[in-house]
Protein backbone atom coordinates (compact mmCIF):
# COMPACT_ATOMS: atom_id res chain seq x y z
CA UNK A 1 93.55 110.26 101.58
CA UNK A 2 95.88 108.45 103.93
CA UNK A 3 98.31 106.21 102.05
CA UNK A 4 99.84 104.48 105.05
CA UNK A 5 98.90 100.82 104.62
CA UNK A 6 97.80 99.81 108.06
CA UNK A 7 95.30 96.98 108.12
CA UNK A 8 92.89 97.47 111.00
CA UNK A 9 90.88 94.50 109.67
CA UNK A 10 89.77 92.97 106.40
CA UNK A 11 86.13 92.30 105.54
CA UNK A 12 84.26 90.06 103.19
CA UNK A 13 82.23 92.01 100.62
CA UNK A 14 78.94 90.60 99.48
CA UNK A 15 77.43 92.42 96.50
CA UNK A 16 73.62 91.93 96.81
CA UNK A 17 70.22 93.63 96.60
CA UNK A 18 68.91 94.59 100.00
CA UNK A 19 65.60 96.37 99.50
CA UNK A 20 62.58 95.68 97.32
CA UNK A 21 63.02 97.10 93.84
CA UNK A 22 66.75 96.96 93.85
CA UNK A 23 68.61 94.49 91.63
CA UNK A 24 69.54 91.35 93.53
CA UNK A 25 72.94 89.87 92.87
CA UNK A 26 75.58 88.13 94.96
CA UNK A 27 79.33 88.13 94.40
CA UNK A 28 82.11 87.67 96.96
CA UNK A 29 84.92 90.25 96.96
CA UNK A 30 87.45 91.55 99.37
CA UNK A 31 87.28 94.89 101.16
CA UNK A 32 90.58 96.33 102.53
CA UNK A 33 90.60 98.89 105.34
CA UNK A 34 93.74 101.07 105.51
CA UNK A 35 94.00 102.84 108.81
CA UNK A 36 90.46 103.75 109.86
CA UNK A 37 89.10 103.85 106.29
CA UNK A 38 87.52 101.09 104.23
CA UNK A 39 88.57 100.48 100.61
CA UNK A 40 86.81 98.55 97.84
CA UNK A 41 88.38 96.96 94.75
CA UNK A 42 87.24 99.38 92.06
CA UNK A 43 86.88 97.11 89.01
CA UNK A 44 84.20 94.68 90.43
CA UNK A 45 82.31 97.63 91.88
CA UNK A 46 82.29 99.32 88.47
CA UNK A 47 81.06 96.16 86.85
CA UNK A 48 78.36 95.65 89.43
CA UNK A 49 77.07 99.23 89.06
CA UNK A 50 77.40 98.91 85.27
CA UNK A 51 79.73 101.97 85.05
CA UNK A 52 82.63 102.49 82.58
CA UNK A 53 86.07 102.32 84.13
CA UNK A 54 89.17 103.92 82.74
CA UNK A 55 92.75 104.26 84.00
CA UNK A 56 94.73 107.32 82.98
CA UNK A 57 98.37 106.35 83.10
CA UNK A 58 99.54 109.93 82.76
CA UNK A 59 97.49 111.36 85.57
CA UNK A 60 97.76 108.11 87.57
CA UNK A 61 94.00 108.35 88.27
CA UNK A 62 91.07 106.09 87.70
CA UNK A 63 87.85 107.30 86.16
CA UNK A 64 84.55 105.61 87.05
CA UNK A 65 81.50 106.84 85.21
CA UNK A 66 83.69 109.70 83.84
CA UNK A 67 84.43 110.86 87.37
CA UNK A 68 88.06 110.87 88.59
CA UNK A 69 88.79 109.08 91.81
CA UNK A 70 92.07 108.41 93.66
CA UNK A 71 92.98 104.95 94.80
CA UNK A 72 95.69 102.72 96.20
CA UNK A 73 97.32 100.06 94.03
CA UNK A 74 97.60 96.96 96.21
CA UNK A 75 98.89 93.57 94.97
CA UNK A 76 98.01 94.58 91.42
CA UNK A 77 94.44 95.67 92.21
CA UNK A 78 93.22 99.26 92.53
CA UNK A 79 91.26 99.97 95.70
CA UNK A 80 89.29 103.17 96.45
CA UNK A 81 88.05 104.45 99.77
CA UNK A 82 84.38 103.72 100.28
CA UNK A 83 83.38 107.17 101.43
CA UNK A 84 85.23 108.72 98.40
CA UNK A 85 83.47 106.30 96.10
CA UNK A 86 80.02 107.18 97.54
CA UNK A 87 80.79 110.91 97.19
CA UNK A 88 82.13 110.50 93.61
CA UNK A 89 79.11 108.55 92.50
CA UNK A 90 76.69 110.72 94.49
CA UNK A 91 75.66 107.56 96.17
CA UNK A 92 74.67 106.82 99.80
CA UNK A 93 76.84 105.10 102.40
CA UNK A 94 75.49 103.72 105.70
CA UNK A 95 77.63 101.91 108.27
CA UNK A 96 76.31 100.41 111.52
CA UNK A 97 79.17 100.01 114.00
CA UNK A 98 77.08 97.99 116.46
CA UNK A 99 76.40 95.25 113.94
CA UNK A 100 79.59 95.42 111.93
CA UNK A 101 77.83 95.88 108.62
CA UNK A 102 76.84 98.61 106.19
CA UNK A 103 75.51 99.48 102.77
CA UNK A 104 76.66 101.44 99.79
CA UNK A 105 73.71 102.46 97.56
CA UNK A 106 73.90 103.73 94.00
CA UNK A 107 70.74 104.17 91.92
CA UNK A 108 68.87 100.83 91.99
CA UNK A 109 71.72 98.71 93.30
CA UNK A 110 73.42 98.19 96.64
CA UNK A 111 76.57 96.71 98.09
CA UNK A 112 76.23 94.96 101.46
CA UNK A 113 79.34 95.13 103.68
CA UNK A 114 79.71 92.53 106.37
CA UNK A 115 82.38 91.82 108.98
CA UNK A 116 83.14 88.10 109.33
CA UNK A 117 83.04 86.72 112.89
CA UNK A 118 84.12 83.54 114.61
CA UNK A 119 81.65 80.72 115.28
CA UNK A 120 79.34 81.23 118.21
CA UNK A 121 79.75 79.22 121.42
CA UNK A 122 82.86 77.47 122.85
CA UNK A 123 84.88 74.29 122.37
CA UNK A 124 85.22 74.52 118.59
CA UNK A 125 87.99 72.33 117.09
CA UNK A 126 91.15 74.32 116.50
CA UNK A 127 93.31 74.59 113.40
CA UNK A 128 96.69 76.28 113.10
CA UNK A 129 97.81 78.98 110.71
CA UNK A 130 101.60 78.93 110.10
CA UNK A 131 103.65 81.30 107.99
CA UNK A 132 107.13 80.60 106.64
CA UNK A 133 110.05 82.56 105.32
CA UNK A 134 109.63 85.82 107.28
CA UNK A 135 110.45 88.31 108.48
CA UNK A 136 110.06 90.10 105.13
CA UNK A 137 108.10 92.81 103.37
CA UNK A 138 104.93 90.71 103.41
CA UNK A 139 105.04 89.94 107.10
CA UNK A 140 103.54 93.31 108.40
CA UNK A 141 100.45 92.86 106.24
CA UNK A 142 99.94 89.32 107.53
CA UNK A 143 100.26 90.62 111.09
CA UNK A 144 97.68 93.38 110.51
CA UNK A 145 95.19 90.89 109.07
CA UNK A 146 95.66 88.51 112.05
CA UNK A 147 95.29 91.45 114.47
CA UNK A 148 92.11 92.46 112.74
CA UNK A 149 90.55 89.08 113.53
CA UNK A 150 92.29 88.63 116.90
CA UNK A 151 93.96 85.48 115.70
CA UNK A 152 97.37 84.16 116.76
CA UNK A 153 99.54 82.17 114.48
CA UNK A 154 103.03 80.61 114.28
CA UNK A 155 105.79 82.13 112.16
CA UNK A 156 108.81 80.11 111.10
CA UNK A 157 111.56 82.63 110.50
CA UNK A 158 114.76 82.44 108.49
CA UNK A 159 117.87 83.55 110.41
CA UNK A 160 119.19 85.80 107.61
CA UNK A 161 115.85 87.58 107.46
CA UNK A 162 115.88 88.14 111.21
CA UNK A 163 119.16 89.98 110.80
CA UNK A 164 117.79 92.06 107.95
CA UNK A 165 114.43 92.84 109.56
CA UNK A 166 114.82 92.66 113.35
CA UNK A 167 112.01 95.16 113.89
CA UNK A 168 109.52 93.08 111.98
CA UNK A 169 110.66 89.94 113.88
CA UNK A 170 110.17 91.80 117.20
CA UNK A 171 106.68 92.88 116.10
CA UNK A 172 105.73 89.24 115.47
CA UNK A 173 106.61 88.41 119.13
CA UNK A 174 105.20 91.68 120.61
CA UNK A 175 101.86 90.85 119.03
CA UNK A 176 101.69 87.57 120.80
CA UNK A 177 102.49 85.19 117.94
CA UNK A 178 104.66 82.07 118.23
CA UNK A 179 107.98 81.80 116.37
CA UNK A 180 110.02 78.89 115.18
CA UNK A 181 113.33 78.12 113.53
CA UNK A 182 113.27 77.82 109.70
CA UNK A 183 117.03 77.60 109.18
CA UNK A 184 119.50 80.40 108.53
CA UNK A 185 119.71 80.45 104.66
CA UNK A 186 116.71 78.28 103.68
CA UNK A 187 118.61 75.37 102.11
CA UNK A 188 117.33 71.87 101.36
CA UNK A 189 118.75 70.41 104.54
CA UNK A 190 119.40 66.80 103.42
CA UNK A 191 121.85 68.07 100.88
CA UNK A 192 124.08 69.47 103.68
CA UNK A 193 126.62 67.77 105.79
CA UNK A 194 125.63 67.15 109.43
CA UNK A 195 128.03 69.89 110.45
CA UNK A 196 126.39 72.38 108.02
CA UNK A 197 122.93 71.30 109.20
CA UNK A 198 123.72 72.07 112.80
CA UNK A 199 125.37 75.34 111.79
CA UNK A 200 122.08 76.46 110.06
CA UNK A 201 120.06 75.77 113.16
CA UNK A 202 122.52 77.16 115.64
CA UNK A 203 123.02 80.42 113.72
CA UNK A 204 119.22 80.95 113.67
CA UNK A 205 118.78 80.08 117.33
CA UNK A 206 121.65 82.59 118.01
CA UNK A 207 119.86 85.35 116.02
CA UNK A 208 116.63 84.72 117.96
CA UNK A 209 118.44 84.89 121.29
CA UNK A 210 120.69 87.86 120.55
CA UNK A 211 118.21 90.12 118.76
CA UNK A 212 114.86 89.01 120.15
CA UNK A 213 115.64 87.44 123.52
CA UNK A 214 113.82 84.20 122.75
CA UNK A 215 114.88 80.67 121.97
CA UNK A 216 112.25 78.79 119.87
CA UNK A 217 111.58 75.16 120.49
CA UNK A 218 109.89 74.52 117.14
CA UNK A 219 111.72 73.77 113.90
CA UNK A 220 110.37 73.50 110.37
CA UNK A 221 112.84 72.36 107.69
CA UNK A 222 112.78 74.37 104.43
CA UNK A 223 110.91 72.58 101.61
CA UNK A 224 110.04 69.87 104.11
CA UNK A 225 113.48 68.38 103.62
CA UNK A 226 114.05 65.72 106.31
CA UNK A 227 116.61 63.03 106.97
CA UNK A 228 117.57 60.82 109.97
CA UNK A 229 120.76 62.86 110.37
CA UNK A 230 118.74 66.07 110.59
CA UNK A 231 116.40 64.51 113.07
CA UNK A 232 119.31 63.57 115.27
CA UNK A 233 120.59 67.15 115.20
CA UNK A 234 117.31 69.04 115.95
CA UNK A 235 116.47 66.59 118.70
CA UNK A 236 119.90 66.97 120.23
CA UNK A 237 119.33 70.74 120.24
CA UNK A 238 115.96 70.33 122.02
CA UNK A 239 113.95 71.33 118.97
CA UNK A 240 110.63 69.80 118.01
CA UNK A 241 109.62 69.26 114.38
CA UNK A 242 106.63 71.28 113.23
CA UNK A 243 105.06 69.71 110.19
CA UNK A 244 101.88 70.58 108.29
CA UNK A 245 99.09 68.68 106.66
CA UNK A 246 97.66 71.38 104.36
CA UNK A 247 100.04 73.05 101.91
CA UNK A 248 98.26 75.97 100.27
CA UNK A 249 101.09 76.46 97.68
CA UNK A 250 100.44 80.12 98.07
CA UNK A 251 103.84 80.89 96.49
CA UNK A 252 102.13 80.11 93.19
CA UNK A 253 99.57 82.82 93.90
CA UNK A 254 96.52 80.60 93.21
CA UNK A 255 94.11 83.25 94.57
CA UNK A 256 91.72 83.28 97.56
CA UNK A 257 89.03 81.10 95.98
CA UNK A 258 91.38 78.27 95.05
CA UNK A 259 93.00 78.28 98.47
CA UNK A 260 89.66 78.31 100.26
CA UNK A 261 88.44 75.35 98.17
CA UNK A 262 91.59 73.41 98.82
CA UNK A 263 91.63 74.10 102.56
CA UNK A 264 88.00 73.22 103.05
CA UNK A 265 88.46 69.91 101.17
CA UNK A 266 91.33 68.87 103.45
CA UNK A 267 90.59 70.55 106.78
CA UNK A 268 90.06 68.49 109.89
CA UNK A 269 90.50 69.16 113.60
CA UNK A 270 94.12 70.08 114.45
CA UNK A 271 95.03 70.79 110.81
CA UNK A 272 98.25 72.74 110.40
CA UNK A 273 97.99 75.06 107.37
CA UNK A 274 101.13 76.19 105.61
CA UNK A 275 101.39 79.71 104.19
CA UNK A 276 104.22 82.08 103.30
CA UNK A 277 104.76 85.66 104.31
CA UNK A 278 103.81 87.43 101.12
CA UNK A 279 101.52 90.19 99.98
CA UNK A 280 99.10 88.03 97.93
CA UNK A 281 98.55 85.77 100.93
CA UNK A 282 97.60 88.80 103.04
CA UNK A 283 95.02 89.72 100.43
CA UNK A 284 93.57 86.16 100.44
CA UNK A 285 93.70 85.59 104.14
CA UNK A 286 90.38 87.33 105.15
CA UNK A 287 88.34 85.06 102.84
CA UNK A 288 90.27 82.02 104.15
CA UNK A 289 89.67 82.97 107.76
CA UNK A 290 85.98 83.53 107.12
CA UNK A 291 85.56 80.25 105.32
CA UNK A 292 87.25 78.32 108.14
CA UNK A 293 85.11 80.03 110.74
CA UNK A 294 81.92 79.21 108.74
CA UNK A 295 83.12 75.61 108.74
CA UNK A 296 82.94 75.67 112.58
CA UNK A 297 86.69 75.80 113.34
CA UNK A 298 88.63 78.32 115.40
CA UNK A 299 92.36 79.13 115.53
CA UNK A 300 95.23 78.56 117.94
CA UNK A 301 99.03 78.53 117.93
CA UNK A 302 101.02 75.30 117.73
CA UNK A 303 101.72 73.90 121.15
CA UNK A 304 105.30 73.90 122.39
CA UNK A 305 104.95 71.00 124.74
């Protein structure tokens, strides 16, 4: 089993009956593909199929229905490869590439796998996904999710993190995403002197230019800290303020369902949605993208002019 965590795409999993005589049940979960393989969260699958689940800490293996199966622990949840699961359970797996959906059958129950897709037609109102505090260890997972759905976003990067992770920062740009200045050390800017404020912005602009060959025109102050003095500085430097109107508070790890409910209650055309580059956000992002698409919105990057 390949352990390299490369997200080709993330799907929405609907657990439901699909043929007459099979138990009908619906429950939304998240399916994670690593490389070219698709993985399911094991616990909800075991519950749905009414199978006992046990984790052997010594062997570092899971047992479902008394059968051992290997998995990948991701963001605190154990995922298993769909084909391995079907084999272990002596079940049946069917995937239809042309429709982007498939089925996993076991006894009298079935799991329906579906690939979310953007709304049909053109001229849908846009909203903007923005990610703060990278580049860090969570950024590559965010990038793979966005690539899976062919979505571009805006990343507000910390200067210190650019120096620590220049390859990840370069990957953001190479994948066609927009970048912005998020200060050098992530301070609450109004607490600084004007000289220190300017130093934070100039150091970050310098890191962008020296290591990445770009000079962002967008600036987002850490914690949303703003003051007239800060305004004078970023305007003098030719930077434009990039605010948000939906704060997911994902740093509290509220989970996909809570973030979806919040976003859908506040979303409107041209909404700017604030996330952070972290693993739990990557896990929740597919469900969020799907819900926004179902609401009739599409995605774009923040305009620079």
